Amino acid sequence: MSRSYSVQEDREPVALPLWTEALVGWEWFTLRASPVYYGSGVPRGTGEAVVVVPGFLGSDLYLRELHGWLGRIGHKPYYSGIGVNADCPTLLMNKLHRTIHRAHHETKRRVHLIGHSLGGLLARSEASRHPELVASVISLGSPFRGVRAHPNVIQMSDLVKEVISHKKGFQIPKDCFTAYCQCDFVDGLRAVIPEGIPQTAIYTKGDGVVSWDVCMTGDPAIDVEVSGTHSGLAFNPAVYRVLGQRLSRQ
């Protein structure tokens, strides 16, 4: 049996308290001071592959803390290899697929995916398109039920679309970067993730980037609320605690 969730067909700016994202530095400090950062009280992994996927405009670089932590608690972490997350999502997903395929080949096991923000959308799309390679999918503040974000984020996505058009030498479809796009990425995002692939959707009501209500499924077995900022989900000790628990049971 599999689950499906409604995707809101919108792409609208939401007035969110973007200034709160400045607290991400405090979250990083709190993580370093937390016992969970050093593996205390966290279930140990057994060498399972875990691919971490960065959010919009980010690269693997800012996920070094998460990558290192996963290695310390016994998993085999992989960077996404997608470069900067500021390109056609389908092209980025193709790069991610190559990394997942390599991780699967090297470990001889299905691969866990952890995606932050837009990275979580890439992870979910990949999980629905290639379930034979994916062990579980965990999203951190990922608006997979509709594009509802701060106006600055919407503007930045429009700018990225213009850059892509200029690079390709032609105007890309106006529906690109919306739920109306007919690309492989959106098709995968709309598809149902098989029941055999455990899901976790971590969100925060303190999110200053995207609307938190489109980052959850409505299933309490999947959705996990934490306190903090959108950017800080990559450094939040409460998130790391949940990750350790979810990865160990899957």
C-alpha atoms as a PDB file:
ATOM      1  CA  MET A   1       0.000   0.000   0.000  1.00  0.00           C
ATOM      2  CA  SER A   2       1.224   3.552  -0.690  1.00  0.00           C
ATOM      3  CA  ARG A   3       0.265   7.040   0.399  1.00  0.00           C
ATOM      4  CA  SER A   4      -0.475  10.125  -1.661  1.00  0.00           C
ATOM      5  CA  TYR A   5      -0.650  13.718  -0.476  1.00  0.00           C
ATOM      6  CA  SER A   6      -2.290  16.709  -2.095  1.00  0.00           C
ATOM      7  CA  VAL A   7       0.090  19.189  -3.698  1.00  0.00           C
ATOM      8  CA  GLN A   8      -1.106  22.774  -3.653  1.00  0.00           C
ATOM      9  CA  GLU A   9      -0.886  24.163  -7.179  1.00  0.00           C
ATOM     10  CA  ASP A  10       0.420  27.568  -6.179  1.00  0.00           C
ATOM     11  CA  ARG A  11       3.571  29.602  -6.252  1.00  0.00           C
ATOM     12  CA  GLU A  12       2.932  32.539  -4.028  1.00  0.00           C
ATOM     13  CA  PRO A  13       5.019  34.678  -1.677  1.00  0.00           C
ATOM     14  CA  VAL A  14       4.214  34.517   2.021  1.00  0.00           C
ATOM     15  CA  ALA A  15       5.053  37.235   4.536  1.00  0.00           C
ATOM     16  CA  LEU A  16       7.382  35.332   6.851  1.00  0.00           C
ATOM     17  CA  PRO A  17       9.785  36.666   9.519  1.00  0.00           C
ATOM     18  CA  LEU A  18      12.943  36.284   7.434  1.00  0.00           C
ATOM     19  CA  TRP A  19      15.003  38.151  10.045  1.00  0.00           C
ATOM     20  CA  THR A  20      14.755  35.180  12.410  1.00  0.00           C
ATOM     21  CA  GLU A  21      17.055  33.231  10.081  1.00  0.00           C
ATOM     22  CA  ALA A  22      19.922  35.269  11.553  1.00  0.00           C
ATOM     23  CA  LEU A  23      19.685  32.937  14.568  1.00  0.00           C
ATOM     24  CA  VAL A  24      21.277  30.131  12.550  1.00  0.00           C
ATOM     25  CA  GLY A  25      24.648  30.964  14.120  1.00  0.00           C
ATOM     26  CA  TRP A  26      23.258  30.256  17.568  1.00  0.00           C
ATOM     27  CA  GLU A  27      21.897  26.914  16.372  1.00  0.00           C
ATOM     28  CA  TRP A  28      25.327  25.956  15.044  1.00  0.00           C
ATOM     29  CA  PHE A  29      26.861  26.837  18.421  1.00  0.00           C
ATOM     30  CA  THR A  30      24.163  24.869  20.262  1.00  0.00           C
ATOM     31  CA  LEU A  31      24.864  21.841  18.078  1.00  0.00           C
ATOM     32  CA  ARG A  32      28.573  21.937  18.871  1.00  0.00           C
ATOM     33  CA  ALA A  33      27.750  22.146  22.592  1.00  0.00           C
ATOM     34  CA  SER A  34      25.243  19.285  22.482  1.00  0.00           C
ATOM     35  CA  PRO A  35      26.111  15.688  23.464  1.00  0.00           C
ATOM     36  CA  VAL A  36      24.256  14.479  20.382  1.00  0.00           C
ATOM     37  CA  TYR A  37      26.933  16.081  18.192  1.00  0.00           C
ATOM     38  CA  TYR A  38      29.473  13.665  19.681  1.00  0.00           C
ATOM     39  CA  GLY A  39      27.179  10.669  19.316  1.00  0.00           C
ATOM     40  CA  SER A  40      26.004  10.481  22.914  1.00  0.00           C
ATOM     41  CA  GLY A  41      22.644   8.737  23.177  1.00  0.00           C
ATOM     42  CA  VAL A  42      22.391   8.312  19.415  1.00  0.00           C
ATOM     43  CA  PRO A  43      21.872   4.839  17.890  1.00  0.00           C
ATOM     44  CA  ARG A  44      24.892   3.610  15.954  1.00  0.00           C
ATOM     45  CA  GLY A  45      24.734   2.938  12.241  1.00  0.00           C
ATOM     46  CA  THR A  46      26.124  -0.156  10.534  1.00  0.00           C
ATOM     47  CA  GLY A  47      27.694   1.398   7.475  1.00  0.00           C
ATOM     48  CA  GLU A  48      24.499   2.316   5.641  1.00  0.00           C
ATOM     49  CA  ALA A  49      24.934   4.853   2.859  1.00  0.00           C
ATOM     50  CA  VAL A  50      23.357   8.260   3.521  1.00  0.00           C
ATOM     51  CA  VAL A  51      23.324  10.963   0.835  1.00  0.00           C
ATOM     52  CA  VAL A  52      22.860  14.557   2.031  1.00  0.00           C
ATOM     53  CA  VAL A  53      21.334  17.051  -0.414  1.00  0.00           C
ATOM     54  CA  PRO A  54      21.669  20.858  -0.044  1.00  0.00           C
ATOM     55  CA  GLY A  55      18.901  23.412  -0.379  1.00  0.00           C
ATOM     56  CA  PHE A  56      18.241  26.202  -2.875  1.00  0.00           C
ATOM     57  CA  LEU A  57      21.377  28.257  -3.683  1.00  0.00           C
ATOM     58  CA  GLY A  58      23.406  26.039  -1.354  1.00  0.00           C
ATOM     59  CA  SER A  59      26.124  23.478  -2.022  1.00  0.00           C
ATOM     60  CA  ASP A  60      27.447  20.411  -0.253  1.00  0.00           C
ATOM     61  CA  LEU A  61      29.868  22.685   1.597  1.00  0.00           C
ATOM     62  CA  TYR A  62      27.404  23.842   4.268  1.00  0.00           C
ATOM     63  CA  LEU A  63      26.398  20.248   5.012  1.00  0.00           C
ATOM     64  CA  ARG A  64      29.884  19.291   6.209  1.00  0.00           C
ATOM     65  CA  GLU A  65      28.754  19.198   9.850  1.00  0.00           C
ATOM     66  CA  LEU A  66      25.938  16.784   9.025  1.00  0.00           C
ATOM     67  CA  HIS A  67      28.155  14.715   6.747  1.00  0.00           C
ATOM     68  CA  GLY A  68      30.860  14.400   9.419  1.00  0.00           C
ATOM     69  CA  TRP A  69      28.353  13.579  12.149  1.00  0.00           C
ATOM     70  CA  LEU A  70      26.800  10.780  10.098  1.00  0.00           C
ATOM     71  CA  GLY A  71      30.245   9.250   9.695  1.00  0.00           C
ATOM     72  CA  ARG A  72      30.954   9.501  13.431  1.00  0.00           C
ATOM     73  CA  ILE A  73      27.813   7.589  14.361  1.00  0.00           C
ATOM     74  CA  GLY A  74      28.551   4.706  12.019  1.00  0.00           C
ATOM     75  CA  HIS A  75      26.973   5.541   8.680  1.00  0.00           C
ATOM     76  CA  LYS A  76      28.707   5.961   5.312  1.00  0.00           C
ATOM     77  CA  PRO A  77      27.874   9.542   4.266  1.00  0.00           C
ATOM     78  CA  TYR A  78      27.971  10.866   0.723  1.00  0.00           C
ATOM     79  CA  TYR A  79      27.755  14.416  -0.560  1.00  0.00           C
ATOM     80  CA  SER A  80      25.130  14.922  -3.255  1.00  0.00           C
ATOM     81  CA  GLY A  81      27.574  15.921  -6.000  1.00  0.00           C
ATOM     82  CA  ILE A  82      25.022  18.286  -7.563  1.00  0.00           C
ATOM     83  CA  GLY A  83      27.174  21.408  -7.194  1.00  0.00           C
ATOM     84  CA  VAL A  84      25.266  24.603  -6.364  1.00  0.00           C
ATOM     85  CA  ASN A  85      21.534  24.007  -6.110  1.00  0.00           C
ATOM     86  CA  ALA A  86      20.652  26.713  -8.631  1.00  0.00           C
ATOM     87  CA  ASP A  87      19.872  24.990 -11.902  1.00  0.00           C
ATOM     88  CA  CYS A  88      17.094  23.087 -13.615  1.00  0.00           C
ATOM     89  CA  PRO A  89      15.823  20.655 -10.942  1.00  0.00           C
ATOM     90  CA  THR A  90      15.730  17.796 -13.436  1.00  0.00           C
ATOM     91  CA  LEU A  91      19.421  18.279 -14.264  1.00  0.00           C
ATOM     92  CA  LEU A  92      20.240  18.411 -10.549  1.00  0.00           C
ATOM     93  CA  MET A  93      18.204  15.274  -9.934  1.00  0.00           C
ATOM     94  CA  ASN A  94      20.133  13.466 -12.664  1.00  0.00           C
ATOM     95  CA  LYS A  95      23.398  14.340 -10.904  1.00  0.00           C
ATOM     96  CA  LEU A  96      21.936  13.201  -7.595  1.00  0.00           C
ATOM     97  CA  HIS A  97      20.873   9.929  -9.185  1.00  0.00           C
ATOM     98  CA  ARG A  98      24.452   9.209 -10.216  1.00  0.00           C
ATOM     99  CA  THR A  99      25.618   9.717  -6.624  1.00  0.00           C
ATOM    100  CA  ILE A 100      22.857   7.474  -5.268  1.00  0.00           C
ATOM    101  CA  HIS A 101      23.687   4.790  -7.814  1.00  0.00           C
ATOM    102  CA  ARG A 102      27.371   4.936  -6.809  1.00  0.00           C
ATOM    103  CA  ALA A 103      26.529   4.734  -3.093  1.00  0.00           C
ATOM    104  CA  HIS A 104      24.270   1.754  -3.755  1.00  0.00           C
ATOM    105  CA  HIS A 105      26.973   0.025  -5.784  1.00  0.00           C
ATOM    106  CA  GLU A 106      29.680   0.609  -3.169  1.00  0.00           C
ATOM    107  CA  THR A 107      27.655  -0.456  -0.114  1.00  0.00           C
ATOM    108  CA  LYS A 108      25.489  -3.102  -1.789  1.00  0.00           C
ATOM    109  CA  ARG A 109      22.522  -1.649   0.103  1.00  0.00           C
ATOM    110  CA  ARG A 110      19.698   0.738  -0.565  1.00  0.00           C
ATOM    111  CA  VAL A 111      20.529   4.349   0.218  1.00  0.00           C
ATOM    112  CA  HIS A 112      19.073   6.771   2.793  1.00  0.00           C
ATOM    113  CA  LEU A 113      18.412  10.312   1.549  1.00  0.00           C
ATOM    114  CA  ILE A 114      18.417  13.462   3.678  1.00  0.00           C
ATOM    115  CA  GLY A 115      17.469  16.659   1.862  1.00  0.00           C
ATOM    116  CA  HIS A 116      17.360  20.201   3.220  1.00  0.00           C
ATOM    117  CA  SER A 117      14.704  22.533   1.760  1.00  0.00           C
ATOM    118  CA  LEU A 118      14.737  22.144  -2.048  1.00  0.00           C
ATOM    119  CA  GLY A 119      17.174  19.281  -1.526  1.00  0.00           C
ATOM    120  CA  GLY A 120      14.360  17.398   0.179  1.00  0.00           C
ATOM    121  CA  LEU A 121      12.205  17.821  -2.917  1.00  0.00           C
ATOM    122  CA  LEU A 122      14.992  16.373  -5.059  1.00  0.00           C
ATOM    123  CA  ALA A 123      15.302  13.467  -2.622  1.00  0.00           C
ATOM    124  CA  ARG A 124      11.561  12.765  -2.598  1.00  0.00           C
ATOM    125  CA  SER A 125      11.353  12.892  -6.386  1.00  0.00           C
ATOM    126  CA  GLU A 126      14.269  10.493  -6.686  1.00  0.00           C
ATOM    127  CA  ALA A 127      12.708   8.130  -4.129  1.00  0.00           C
ATOM    128  CA  SER A 128       9.478   7.908  -6.105  1.00  0.00           C
ATOM    129  CA  ARG A 129      11.282   7.417  -9.432  1.00  0.00           C
ATOM    130  CA  HIS A 130      13.880   4.888  -8.254  1.00  0.00           C
ATOM    131  CA  PRO A 131      12.503   3.135  -5.158  1.00  0.00           C
ATOM    132  CA  GLU A 132      14.757   0.135  -5.747  1.00  0.00           C
ATOM    133  CA  LEU A 133      17.752   2.286  -4.749  1.00  0.00           C
ATOM    134  CA  VAL A 134      16.274   4.154  -1.768  1.00  0.00           C
ATOM    135  CA  ALA A 135      15.997   2.909   1.820  1.00  0.00           C
ATOM    136  CA  SER A 136      14.321   6.005   3.309  1.00  0.00           C
ATOM    137  CA  VAL A 137      13.794   9.686   2.605  1.00  0.00           C
ATOM    138  CA  ILE A 138      14.025  12.486   5.181  1.00  0.00           C
ATOM    139  CA  SER A 139      13.188  16.092   4.333  1.00  0.00           C
ATOM    140  CA  LEU A 140      14.207  19.114   6.405  1.00  0.00           C
ATOM    141  CA  GLY A 141      11.923  22.099   5.851  1.00  0.00           C
ATOM    142  CA  SER A 142      11.035  20.992   2.323  1.00  0.00           C
ATOM    143  CA  PRO A 143       7.895  22.554   0.780  1.00  0.00           C
ATOM    144  CA  PHE A 144       6.803  19.475  -1.142  1.00  0.00           C
ATOM    145  CA  ARG A 145       3.079  20.322  -0.951  1.00  0.00           C
ATOM    146  CA  GLY A 146       3.317  23.734  -2.616  1.00  0.00           C
ATOM    147  CA  VAL A 147       5.712  26.591  -3.348  1.00  0.00           C
ATOM    148  CA  ARG A 148       4.826  29.082  -0.637  1.00  0.00           C
ATOM    149  CA  ALA A 149       7.848  31.097   0.424  1.00  0.00           C
ATOM    150  CA  HIS A 150       9.186  34.492   1.435  1.00  0.00           C
ATOM    151  CA  PRO A 151       8.985  37.063  -1.422  1.00  0.00           C
ATOM    152  CA  ASN A 152      12.794  37.266  -1.545  1.00  0.00           C
ATOM    153  CA  VAL A 153      12.992  33.527  -2.181  1.00  0.00           C
ATOM    154  CA  ILE A 154      10.436  33.752  -4.988  1.00  0.00           C
ATOM    155  CA  GLN A 155      12.429  36.605  -6.543  1.00  0.00           C
ATOM    156  CA  MET A 156      15.668  34.636  -6.300  1.00  0.00           C
ATOM    157  CA  SER A 157      14.074  31.650  -8.042  1.00  0.00           C
ATOM    158  CA  ASP A 158      12.940  33.946 -10.851  1.00  0.00           C
ATOM    159  CA  LEU A 159      16.486  35.294 -11.138  1.00  0.00           C
ATOM    160  CA  VAL A 160      17.896  31.774 -11.311  1.00  0.00           C
ATOM    161  CA  LYS A 161      15.393  30.967 -14.068  1.00  0.00           C
ATOM    162  CA  GLU A 162      16.609  33.992 -16.039  1.00  0.00           C
ATOM    163  CA  VAL A 163      20.225  32.886 -15.621  1.00  0.00           C
ATOM    164  CA  ILE A 164      19.362  29.389 -16.838  1.00  0.00           C
ATOM    165  CA  SER A 165      17.576  30.838 -19.875  1.00  0.00           C
ATOM    166  CA  HIS A 166      20.586  33.012 -20.685  1.00  0.00           C
ATOM    167  CA  LYS A 167      22.962  30.069 -20.305  1.00  0.00           C
ATOM    168  CA  LYS A 168      20.879  27.837 -22.554  1.00  0.00           C
ATOM    169  CA  GLY A 169      20.374  30.580 -25.115  1.00  0.00           C
ATOM    170  CA  PHE A 170      16.586  30.342 -25.184  1.00  0.00           C
ATOM    171  CA  GLN A 171      13.630  31.155 -22.973  1.00  0.00           C
ATOM    172  CA  ILE A 172      12.749  28.270 -20.690  1.00  0.00           C
ATOM    173  CA  PRO A 173       9.048  27.508 -20.093  1.00  0.00           C
ATOM    174  CA  LYS A 174       7.241  29.909 -17.781  1.00  0.00           C
ATOM    175  CA  ASP A 175       6.039  26.973 -15.680  1.00  0.00           C
ATOM    176  CA  CYS A 176       9.606  25.983 -14.790  1.00  0.00           C
ATOM    177  CA  PHE A 177      10.176  26.118 -11.005  1.00  0.00           C
ATOM    178  CA  THR A 178       6.432  25.685 -10.421  1.00  0.00           C
ATOM    179  CA  ALA A 179       4.170  22.736  -9.672  1.00  0.00           C
ATOM    180  CA  TYR A 180       2.763  23.073 -13.207  1.00  0.00           C
ATOM    181  CA  CYS A 181       6.039  22.112 -14.894  1.00  0.00           C
ATOM    182  CA  GLN A 182       5.924  18.861 -16.878  1.00  0.00           C
ATOM    183  CA  CYS A 183       9.562  17.935 -16.190  1.00  0.00           C
ATOM    184  CA  ASP A 184      10.786  14.653 -14.724  1.00  0.00           C
ATOM    185  CA  PHE A 185      11.472  16.354 -11.390  1.00  0.00           C
ATOM    186  CA  VAL A 186       7.872  17.504 -10.879  1.00  0.00           C
ATOM    187  CA  ASP A 187       6.488  14.220 -12.224  1.00  0.00           C
ATOM    188  CA  GLY A 188       8.545  12.392  -9.623  1.00  0.00           C
ATOM    189  CA  LEU A 189       7.496  14.789  -6.876  1.00  0.00           C
ATOM    190  CA  ARG A 190       3.825  14.228  -7.676  1.00  0.00           C
ATOM    191  CA  ALA A 191       4.233  10.457  -7.796  1.00  0.00           C
ATOM    192  CA  VAL A 192       3.605   8.324  -4.741  1.00  0.00           C
ATOM    193  CA  ILE A 193       6.564   7.181  -2.659  1.00  0.00           C
ATOM    194  CA  PRO A 194       6.082   3.439  -2.118  1.00  0.00           C
ATOM    195  CA  GLU A 195       4.982   2.293   1.310  1.00  0.00           C
ATOM    196  CA  GLY A 196       8.181   0.280   1.689  1.00  0.00           C
ATOM    197  CA  ILE A 197      10.248   3.473   1.802  1.00  0.00           C
ATOM    198  CA  PRO A 198       9.911   5.106   5.252  1.00  0.00           C
ATOM    199  CA  GLN A 199       9.440   8.875   5.183  1.00  0.00           C
ATOM    200  CA  THR A 200      10.235  11.604   7.685  1.00  0.00           C
ATOM    201  CA  ALA A 201       9.260  15.249   7.235  1.00  0.00           C
ATOM    202  CA  ILE A 202      10.925  17.551   9.757  1.00  0.00           C
ATOM    203  CA  TYR A 203       9.594  21.103   9.937  1.00  0.00           C
ATOM    204  CA  THR A 204       9.662  24.168  12.175  1.00  0.00           C
ATOM    205  CA  LYS A 205       6.971  26.761  12.770  1.00  0.00           C
ATOM    206  CA  GLY A 206       9.826  29.254  13.150  1.00  0.00           C
ATOM    207  CA  ASP A 207      10.631  28.844   9.455  1.00  0.00           C
ATOM    208  CA  GLY A 208      11.435  32.242   7.949  1.00  0.00           C
ATOM    209  CA  VAL A 209      11.925  30.995   4.382  1.00  0.00           C
ATOM    210  CA  VAL A 210       9.031  28.715   3.441  1.00  0.00           C
ATOM    211  CA  SER A 211       5.577  28.210   4.901  1.00  0.00           C
ATOM    212  CA  TRP A 212       5.859  25.375   7.420  1.00  0.00           C
ATOM    213  CA  ASP A 213       2.420  23.910   6.638  1.00  0.00           C
ATOM    214  CA  VAL A 214       3.512  22.795   3.154  1.00  0.00           C
ATOM    215  CA  CYS A 215       6.504  20.946   4.644  1.00  0.00           C
ATOM    216  CA  MET A 216       4.423  18.253   6.326  1.00  0.00           C
ATOM    217  CA  THR A 217       2.250  15.352   5.192  1.00  0.00           C
ATOM    218  CA  GLY A 218      -0.413  15.456   7.898  1.00  0.00           C
ATOM    219  CA  ASP A 219       0.605  11.977   9.077  1.00  0.00           C
ATOM    220  CA  PRO A 220       1.921  12.132  12.681  1.00  0.00           C
ATOM    221  CA  ALA A 221       4.003   9.025  12.064  1.00  0.00           C
ATOM    222  CA  ILE A 222       5.942  10.923   9.399  1.00  0.00           C
ATOM    223  CA  ASP A 223       5.879  14.565  10.486  1.00  0.00           C
ATOM    224  CA  VAL A 224       8.233  15.799  13.213  1.00  0.00           C
ATOM    225  CA  GLU A 225       8.145  19.367  14.520  1.00  0.00           C
ATOM    226  CA  VAL A 226      11.244  20.985  16.020  1.00  0.00           C
ATOM    227  CA  SER A 227      11.998  24.498  17.223  1.00  0.00           C
ATOM    228  CA  GLY A 228      14.386  26.679  15.254  1.00  0.00           C
ATOM    229  CA  THR A 229      14.949  28.348  11.900  1.00  0.00           C
ATOM    230  CA  HIS A 230      14.758  27.062   8.349  1.00  0.00           C
ATOM    231  CA  SER A 231      18.486  27.454   7.692  1.00  0.00           C
ATOM    232  CA  GLY A 232      19.293  26.035  11.117  1.00  0.00           C
ATOM    233  CA  LEU A 233      17.623  22.705  10.373  1.00  0.00           C
ATOM    234  CA  ALA A 234      21.008  21.618   9.028  1.00  0.00           C
ATOM    235  CA  PHE A 235      22.608  22.380  12.417  1.00  0.00           C
ATOM    236  CA  ASN A 236      19.781  21.753  14.881  1.00  0.00           C
ATOM    237  CA  PRO A 237      20.623  19.207  17.634  1.00  0.00           C
ATOM    238  CA  ALA A 238      16.947  18.194  17.875  1.00  0.00           C
ATOM    239  CA  VAL A 239      17.025  17.382  14.156  1.00  0.00           C
ATOM    240  CA  TYR A 240      20.189  15.319  14.561  1.00  0.00           C
ATOM    241  CA  ARG A 241      18.554  13.363  17.370  1.00  0.00           C
ATOM    242  CA  VAL A 242      15.575  12.564  15.138  1.00  0.00           C
ATOM    243  CA  LEU A 243      17.887  11.614  12.265  1.00  0.00           C
ATOM    244  CA  GLY A 244      19.774   9.160  14.463  1.00  0.00           C
ATOM    245  CA  GLN A 245      16.545   7.527  15.600  1.00  0.00           C
ATOM    246  CA  ARG A 246      14.935   7.334  12.167  1.00  0.00           C
ATOM    247  CA  LEU A 247      18.019   6.018  10.391  1.00  0.00           C
ATOM    248  CA  SER A 248      18.508   3.292  12.998  1.00  0.00           C
ATOM    249  CA  ARG A 249      14.995   1.898  12.679  1.00  0.00           C
ATOM    250  CA  GLN A 250      14.880   1.769   8.916  1.00  0.00           C
END
